[in-house]
Amino acid sequence: MEDEYDKLIRRMNPPRVTIDNNSSADATVIHVESANKPGILLEVVQVLTDLNLVITKAYISSDGRWFMDGKIYDPS
């Protein structure tokens, strides 16, 4: 069961998404920052694949409480 502290951390720090079309000539860079929780990376990947986006490269960093990732290619 999730403790109240973890719930508070997520409420105070909602996920942040930055989309950058200028850093790469062949891909859109999507930078996601979020409070870490079990399964969050899977949720992010599922949303991107549901949008028919192709993940060509991912940089994932976590300090136990936070994670960051991403470089995405839209095939269309």
PDB file of N, CA and C in Angstrom:
ATOM      1  N   MET A   1       0.838  -1.184   0.000  1.00  0.00           N
ATOM      2  CA  MET A   1       0.000   0.000   0.000  1.00  0.00           C
ATOM      3  C   MET A   1       0.884   1.249   0.000  1.00  0.00           C
ATOM      4  N   GLU A   2       0.501   2.215  -0.804  1.00  0.00           N
ATOM      5  CA  GLU A   2       1.258   3.448  -0.935  1.00  0.00           C
ATOM      6  C   GLU A   2       1.122   4.292   0.325  1.00  0.00           C
ATOM      7  N   ASP A   3       2.265   4.812   0.799  1.00  0.00           N
ATOM      8  CA  ASP A   3       2.160   5.630   2.005  1.00  0.00           C
ATOM      9  C   ASP A   3       1.819   7.081   1.649  1.00  0.00           C
ATOM     10  N   GLU A   4       1.390   7.817   2.631  1.00  0.00           N
ATOM     11  CA  GLU A   4       0.925   9.195   2.429  1.00  0.00           C
ATOM     12  C   GLU A   4       2.033  10.104   1.914  1.00  0.00           C
ATOM     13  N   TYR A   5       3.272   9.866   2.321  1.00  0.00           N
ATOM     14  CA  TYR A   5       4.392  10.690   1.860  1.00  0.00           C
ATOM     15  C   TYR A   5       4.547  10.581   0.348  1.00  0.00           C
ATOM     16  N   ASP A   6       4.491   9.364  -0.200  1.00  0.00           N
ATOM     17  CA  ASP A   6       4.616   9.177  -1.645  1.00  0.00           C
ATOM     18  C   ASP A   6       3.473   9.856  -2.391  1.00  0.00           C
ATOM     19  N   LYS A   7       2.263   9.786  -1.855  1.00  0.00           N
ATOM     20  CA  LYS A   7       1.125  10.466  -2.476  1.00  0.00           C
ATOM     21  C   LYS A   7       1.340  11.980  -2.487  1.00  0.00           C
ATOM     22  N   LEU A   8       1.844  12.512  -1.389  1.00  0.00           N
ATOM     23  CA  LEU A   8       2.102  13.945  -1.287  1.00  0.00           C
ATOM     24  C   LEU A   8       3.164  14.379  -2.292  1.00  0.00           C
ATOM     25  N   ILE A   9       4.225  13.603  -2.425  1.00  0.00           N
ATOM     26  CA  ILE A   9       5.292  13.925  -3.385  1.00  0.00           C
ATOM     27  C   ILE A   9       4.718  14.032  -4.789  1.00  0.00           C
ATOM     28  N   ARG A  10       3.878  13.101  -5.203  1.00  0.00           N
ATOM     29  CA  ARG A  10       3.297  13.127  -6.551  1.00  0.00           C
ATOM     30  C   ARG A  10       2.332  14.295  -6.738  1.00  0.00           C
ATOM     31  N   ARG A  11       1.570  14.623  -5.698  1.00  0.00           N
ATOM     32  CA  ARG A  11       0.649  15.761  -5.811  1.00  0.00           C
ATOM     33  C   ARG A  11       1.405  17.079  -5.912  1.00  0.00           C
ATOM     34  N   MET A  12       2.493  17.204  -5.173  1.00  0.00           N
ATOM     35  CA  MET A  12       3.273  18.439  -5.176  1.00  0.00           C
ATOM     36  C   MET A  12       4.158  18.563  -6.414  1.00  0.00           C
ATOM     37  N   ASN A  13       4.471  17.459  -7.052  1.00  0.00           N
ATOM     38  CA  ASN A  13       5.381  17.448  -8.191  1.00  0.00           C
ATOM     39  C   ASN A  13       4.765  16.676  -9.350  1.00  0.00           C
ATOM     40  N   PRO A  14       3.787  17.271 -10.029  1.00  0.00           N
ATOM     41  CA  PRO A  14       3.162  16.552 -11.142  1.00  0.00           C
ATOM     42  C   PRO A  14       4.168  16.336 -12.268  1.00  0.00           C
ATOM     43  N   PRO A  15       3.934  15.355 -13.126  1.00  0.00           N
ATOM     44  CA  PRO A  15       4.852  15.108 -14.242  1.00  0.00           C
ATOM     45  C   PRO A  15       5.005  16.358 -15.111  1.00  0.00           C
ATOM     46  N   ARG A  16       6.232  16.547 -15.623  1.00  0.00           N
ATOM     47  CA  ARG A  16       6.516  17.642 -16.546  1.00  0.00           C
ATOM     48  C   ARG A  16       7.008  17.040 -17.852  1.00  0.00           C
ATOM     49  N   VAL A  17       6.457  17.522 -18.959  1.00  0.00           N
ATOM     50  CA  VAL A  17       6.833  17.032 -20.282  1.00  0.00           C
ATOM     51  C   VAL A  17       7.280  18.225 -21.114  1.00  0.00           C
ATOM     52  N   THR A  18       8.483  18.124 -21.704  1.00  0.00           N
ATOM     53  CA  THR A  18       9.006  19.147 -22.597  1.00  0.00           C
ATOM     54  C   THR A  18       9.224  18.509 -23.955  1.00  0.00           C
ATOM     55  N   ILE A  19       8.720  19.151 -25.012  1.00  0.00           N
ATOM     56  CA  ILE A  19       8.880  18.637 -26.371  1.00  0.00           C
ATOM     57  C   ILE A  19       9.800  19.578 -27.124  1.00  0.00           C
ATOM     58  N   ASP A  20      10.856  19.014 -27.744  1.00  0.00           N
ATOM     59  CA  ASP A  20      11.872  19.800 -28.437  1.00  0.00           C
ATOM     60  C   ASP A  20      12.047  19.271 -29.856  1.00  0.00           C
ATOM     61  N   ASN A  21      11.640  20.062 -30.841  1.00  0.00           N
ATOM     62  CA  ASN A  21      11.789  19.676 -32.245  1.00  0.00           C
ATOM     63  C   ASN A  21      13.056  20.247 -32.871  1.00  0.00           C
ATOM     64  N   ASN A  22      13.845  21.008 -32.129  1.00  0.00           N
ATOM     65  CA  ASN A  22      15.012  21.687 -32.687  1.00  0.00           C
ATOM     66  C   ASN A  22      16.344  21.024 -32.374  1.00  0.00           C
ATOM     67  N   SER A  23      16.426  20.209 -31.366  1.00  0.00           N
ATOM     68  CA  SER A  23      17.700  19.626 -30.944  1.00  0.00           C
ATOM     69  C   SER A  23      18.208  18.525 -31.855  1.00  0.00           C
ATOM     70  N   SER A  24      17.327  17.894 -32.592  1.00  0.00           N
ATOM     71  CA  SER A  24      17.704  16.769 -33.447  1.00  0.00           C
ATOM     72  C   SER A  24      17.040  16.931 -34.808  1.00  0.00           C
ATOM     73  N   ALA A  25      17.799  16.634 -35.871  1.00  0.00           N
ATOM     74  CA  ALA A  25      17.262  16.754 -37.227  1.00  0.00           C
ATOM     75  C   ALA A  25      16.307  15.616 -37.571  1.00  0.00           C
ATOM     76  N   ASP A  26      16.478  14.474 -36.936  1.00  0.00           N
ATOM     77  CA  ASP A  26      15.690  13.301 -37.321  1.00  0.00           C
ATOM     78  C   ASP A  26      14.757  12.769 -36.239  1.00  0.00           C
ATOM     79  N   ALA A  27      14.609  13.518 -35.152  1.00  0.00           N
ATOM     80  CA  ALA A  27      13.745  13.032 -34.074  1.00  0.00           C
ATOM     81  C   ALA A  27      13.236  14.198 -33.243  1.00  0.00           C
ATOM     82  N   THR A  28      12.155  13.967 -32.569  1.00  0.00           N
ATOM     83  CA  THR A  28      11.648  14.910 -31.576  1.00  0.00           C
ATOM     84  C   THR A  28      12.120  14.428 -30.215  1.00  0.00           C
ATOM     85  N   VAL A  29      12.692  15.329 -29.455  1.00  0.00           N
ATOM     86  CA  VAL A  29      13.150  14.978 -28.114  1.00  0.00           C
ATOM     87  C   VAL A  29      12.013  15.277 -27.140  1.00  0.00           C
ATOM     88  N   ILE A  30      11.613  14.260 -26.412  1.00  0.00           N
ATOM     89  CA  ILE A  30      10.581  14.420 -25.391  1.00  0.00           C
ATOM     90  C   ILE A  30      11.244  14.160 -24.046  1.00  0.00           C
ATOM     91  N   HIS A  31      11.241  15.175 -23.220  1.00  0.00           N
ATOM     92  CA  HIS A  31      11.864  15.078 -21.898  1.00  0.00           C
ATOM     93  C   HIS A  31      10.743  14.958 -20.871  1.00  0.00           C
ATOM     94  N   VAL A  32      10.745  13.866 -20.142  1.00  0.00           N
ATOM     95  CA  VAL A  32       9.706  13.606 -19.143  1.00  0.00           C
ATOM     96  C   VAL A  32      10.361  13.566 -17.771  1.00  0.00           C
ATOM     97  N   GLU A  33       9.826  14.337 -16.845  1.00  0.00           N
ATOM     98  CA  GLU A  33      10.278  14.284 -15.458  1.00  0.00           C
ATOM     99  C   GLU A  33       9.072  13.969 -14.594  1.00  0.00           C
ATOM    100  N   SER A  34       9.256  13.054 -13.664  1.00  0.00           N
ATOM    101  CA  SER A  34       8.138  12.648 -12.821  1.00  0.00           C
ATOM    102  C   SER A  34       8.655  12.056 -11.524  1.00  0.00           C
ATOM    103  N   ALA A  35       7.823  12.145 -10.507  1.00  0.00           N
ATOM    104  CA  ALA A  35       8.120  11.387  -9.298  1.00  0.00           C
ATOM    105  C   ALA A  35       8.107   9.915  -9.688  1.00  0.00           C
ATOM    106  N   ASN A  36       9.063   9.168  -9.200  1.00  0.00           N
ATOM    107  CA  ASN A  36       9.199   7.765  -9.567  1.00  0.00           C
ATOM    108  C   ASN A  36       8.198   6.916  -8.784  1.00  0.00           C
ATOM    109  N   LYS A  37       7.642   5.936  -9.472  1.00  0.00           N
ATOM    110  CA  LYS A  37       6.779   4.949  -8.817  1.00  0.00           C
ATOM    111  C   LYS A  37       6.858   3.678  -9.647  1.00  0.00           C
ATOM    112  N   PRO A  38       6.593   2.536  -9.065  1.00  0.00           N
ATOM    113  CA  PRO A  38       6.641   1.297  -9.840  1.00  0.00           C
ATOM    114  C   PRO A  38       5.701   1.365 -11.044  1.00  0.00           C
ATOM    115  N   GLY A  39       6.236   1.066 -12.222  1.00  0.00           N
ATOM    116  CA  GLY A  39       5.427   1.015 -13.430  1.00  0.00           C
ATOM    117  C   GLY A  39       5.317   2.311 -14.204  1.00  0.00           C
ATOM    118  N   ILE A  40       5.880   3.415 -13.709  1.00  0.00           N
ATOM    119  CA  ILE A  40       5.720   4.706 -14.388  1.00  0.00           C
ATOM    120  C   ILE A  40       6.389   4.712 -15.756  1.00  0.00           C
ATOM    121  N   LEU A  41       7.554   4.108 -15.888  1.00  0.00           N
ATOM    122  CA  LEU A  41       8.224   4.070 -17.185  1.00  0.00           C
ATOM    123  C   LEU A  41       7.395   3.279 -18.191  1.00  0.00           C
ATOM    124  N   LEU A  42       6.814   2.178 -17.771  1.00  0.00           N
ATOM    125  CA  LEU A  42       5.939   1.396 -18.642  1.00  0.00           C
ATOM    126  C   LEU A  42       4.737   2.227 -19.090  1.00  0.00           C
ATOM    127  N   GLU A  43       4.165   3.010 -18.186  1.00  0.00           N
ATOM    128  CA  GLU A  43       3.036   3.872 -18.543  1.00  0.00           C
ATOM    129  C   GLU A  43       3.433   4.879 -19.615  1.00  0.00           C
ATOM    130  N   VAL A  44       4.600   5.499 -19.474  1.00  0.00           N
ATOM    131  CA  VAL A  44       5.073   6.480 -20.454  1.00  0.00           C
ATOM    132  C   VAL A  44       5.273   5.819 -21.811  1.00  0.00           C
ATOM    133  N   VAL A  45       5.945   4.674 -21.829  1.00  0.00           N
ATOM    134  CA  VAL A  45       6.185   3.954 -23.086  1.00  0.00           C
ATOM    135  C   VAL A  45       4.863   3.549 -23.728  1.00  0.00           C
ATOM    136  N   GLN A  46       3.907   3.101 -22.942  1.00  0.00           N
ATOM    137  CA  GLN A  46       2.614   2.688 -23.484  1.00  0.00           C
ATOM    138  C   GLN A  46       1.884   3.856 -24.137  1.00  0.00           C
ATOM    139  N   VAL A  47       1.909   5.021 -23.505  1.00  0.00           N
ATOM    140  CA  VAL A  47       1.261   6.203 -24.090  1.00  0.00           C
ATOM    141  C   VAL A  47       1.919   6.560 -25.419  1.00  0.00           C
ATOM    142  N   LEU A  48       3.242   6.546 -25.461  1.00  0.00           N
ATOM    143  CA  LEU A  48       3.946   6.899 -26.701  1.00  0.00           C
ATOM    144  C   LEU A  48       3.661   5.896 -27.813  1.00  0.00           C
ATOM    145  N   THR A  49       3.643   4.624 -27.497  1.00  0.00           N
ATOM    146  CA  THR A  49       3.353   3.621 -28.530  1.00  0.00           C
ATOM    147  C   THR A  49       1.883   3.654 -28.936  1.00  0.00           C
ATOM    148  N   ASP A  50       0.982   3.974 -28.021  1.00  0.00           N
ATOM    149  CA  ASP A  50      -0.433   4.136 -28.377  1.00  0.00           C
ATOM    150  C   ASP A  50      -0.623   5.279 -29.373  1.00  0.00           C
ATOM    151  N   LEU A  51       0.281   6.262 -29.336  1.00  0.00           N
ATOM    152  CA  LEU A  51       0.249   7.388 -30.272  1.00  0.00           C
ATOM    153  C   LEU A  51       1.002   7.072 -31.568  1.00  0.00           C
ATOM    154  N   ASN A  52       1.406   5.809 -31.726  1.00  0.00           N
ATOM    155  CA  ASN A  52       2.163   5.348 -32.899  1.00  0.00           C
ATOM    156  C   ASN A  52       3.501   6.057 -33.063  1.00  0.00           C
ATOM    157  N   LEU A  53       4.120   6.422 -31.959  1.00  0.00           N
ATOM    158  CA  LEU A  53       5.449   7.007 -31.991  1.00  0.00           C
ATOM    159  C   LEU A  53       6.470   5.896 -31.821  1.00  0.00           C
ATOM    160  N   VAL A  54       7.621   6.075 -32.456  1.00  0.00           N
ATOM    161  CA  VAL A  54       8.688   5.084 -32.384  1.00  0.00           C
ATOM    162  C   VAL A  54       9.780   5.634 -31.477  1.00  0.00           C
ATOM    163  N   ILE A  55      10.135   4.890 -30.467  1.00  0.00           N
ATOM    164  CA  ILE A  55      11.204   5.300 -29.559  1.00  0.00           C
ATOM    165  C   ILE A  55      12.510   4.794 -30.154  1.00  0.00           C
ATOM    166  N   THR A  56      13.361   5.733 -30.618  1.00  0.00           N
ATOM    167  CA  THR A  56      14.626   5.329 -31.226  1.00  0.00           C
ATOM    168  C   THR A  56      15.758   5.281 -30.217  1.00  0.00           C
ATOM    169  N   LYS A  57      15.645   6.079 -29.182  1.00  0.00           N
ATOM    170  CA  LYS A  57      16.690   6.105 -28.171  1.00  0.00           C
ATOM    171  C   LYS A  57      16.071   6.628 -26.889  1.00  0.00           C
ATOM    172  N   ALA A  58      16.451   6.077 -25.775  1.00  0.00           N
ATOM    173  CA  ALA A  58      15.948   6.566 -24.491  1.00  0.00           C
ATOM    174  C   ALA A  58      17.098   6.665 -23.506  1.00  0.00           C
ATOM    175  N   TYR A  59      17.184   7.784 -22.861  1.00  0.00           N
ATOM    176  CA  TYR A  59      18.117   7.969 -21.757  1.00  0.00           C
ATOM    177  C   TYR A  59      17.263   8.036 -20.509  1.00  0.00           C
ATOM    178  N   ILE A  60      17.480   7.135 -19.617  1.00  0.00           N
ATOM    179  CA  ILE A  60      16.645   7.064 -18.423  1.00  0.00           C
ATOM    180  C   ILE A  60      17.532   7.241 -17.205  1.00  0.00           C
ATOM    181  N   SER A  61      17.131   8.139 -16.354  1.00  0.00           N
ATOM    182  CA  SER A  61      17.897   8.423 -15.156  1.00  0.00           C
ATOM    183  C   SER A  61      16.940   8.432 -13.975  1.00  0.00           C
ATOM    184  N   SER A  62      17.373   7.865 -12.879  1.00  0.00           N
ATOM    185  CA  SER A  62      16.540   7.855 -11.687  1.00  0.00           C
ATOM    186  C   SER A  62      17.423   7.949 -10.454  1.00  0.00           C
ATOM    187  N   ASP A  63      16.979   8.740  -9.511  1.00  0.00           N
ATOM    188  CA  ASP A  63      17.697   8.796  -8.236  1.00  0.00           C
ATOM    189  C   ASP A  63      16.909   8.080  -7.141  1.00  0.00           C
ATOM    190  N   GLY A  64      15.936   7.284  -7.560  1.00  0.00           N
ATOM    191  CA  GLY A  64      15.097   6.578  -6.599  1.00  0.00           C
ATOM    192  C   GLY A  64      13.757   7.257  -6.394  1.00  0.00           C
ATOM    193  N   ARG A  65      13.729   8.577  -6.514  1.00  0.00           N
ATOM    194  CA  ARG A  65      12.484   9.329  -6.350  1.00  0.00           C
ATOM    195  C   ARG A  65      12.018   9.955  -7.666  1.00  0.00           C
ATOM    196  N   TRP A  66      12.935  10.170  -8.633  1.00  0.00           N
ATOM    197  CA  TRP A  66      12.629  10.847  -9.892  1.00  0.00           C
ATOM    198  C   TRP A  66      13.161  10.041 -11.055  1.00  0.00           C
ATOM    199  N   PHE A  67      12.551  10.193 -12.226  1.00  0.00           N
ATOM    200  CA  PHE A  67      13.128   9.618 -13.433  1.00  0.00           C
ATOM    201  C   PHE A  67      12.983  10.609 -14.577  1.00  0.00           C
ATOM    202  N   MET A  68      13.856  10.477 -15.583  1.00  0.00           N
ATOM    203  CA  MET A  68      13.831  11.328 -16.771  1.00  0.00           C
ATOM    204  C   MET A  68      14.170  10.468 -17.970  1.00  0.00           C
ATOM    205  N   ASP A  69      13.646  10.845 -19.158  1.00  0.00           N
ATOM    206  CA  ASP A  69      13.988  10.094 -20.361  1.00  0.00           C
ATOM    207  C   ASP A  69      13.861  10.940 -21.605  1.00  0.00           C
ATOM    208  N   GLY A  70      14.142  10.414 -22.740  1.00  0.00           N
ATOM    209  CA  GLY A  70      13.729  10.464 -24.040  1.00  0.00           C
ATOM    210  C   GLY A  70      14.117  11.026 -25.345  1.00  0.00           C
ATOM    211  N   LYS A  71      14.136  10.317 -26.385  1.00  0.00           N
ATOM    212  CA  LYS A  71      14.261  10.771 -27.773  1.00  0.00           C
ATOM    213  C   LYS A  71      13.302   9.927 -28.598  1.00  0.00           C
ATOM    214  N   ILE A  72      12.374  10.580 -29.288  1.00  0.00           N
ATOM    215  CA  ILE A  72      11.272   9.895 -29.959  1.00  0.00           C
ATOM    216  C   ILE A  72      11.256  10.269 -31.437  1.00  0.00           C
ATOM    217  N   TYR A  73      10.885   9.329 -32.285  1.00  0.00           N
ATOM    218  CA  TYR A  73      10.755   9.573 -33.721  1.00  0.00           C
ATOM    219  C   TYR A  73       9.328   9.286 -34.141  1.00  0.00           C
ATOM    220  N   ASP A  74       8.712  10.238 -34.839  1.00  0.00           N
ATOM    221  CA  ASP A  74       7.355  10.054 -35.362  1.00  0.00           C
ATOM    222  C   ASP A  74       7.476   9.622 -36.812  1.00  0.00           C
ATOM    223  N   PRO A  75       7.101   8.385 -37.145  1.00  0.00           N
ATOM    224  CA  PRO A  75       7.305   7.871 -38.494  1.00  0.00           C
ATOM    225  C   PRO A  75       6.446   8.543 -39.560  1.00  0.00           C
ATOM    226  N   SER A  76       5.451   9.316 -39.181  1.00  0.00           N
ATOM    227  CA  SER A  76       4.576   9.903 -40.202  1.00  0.00           C
ATOM    228  C   SER A  76       5.049  11.207 -40.740  1.00  0.00           C
TER     229      SER A  76
END
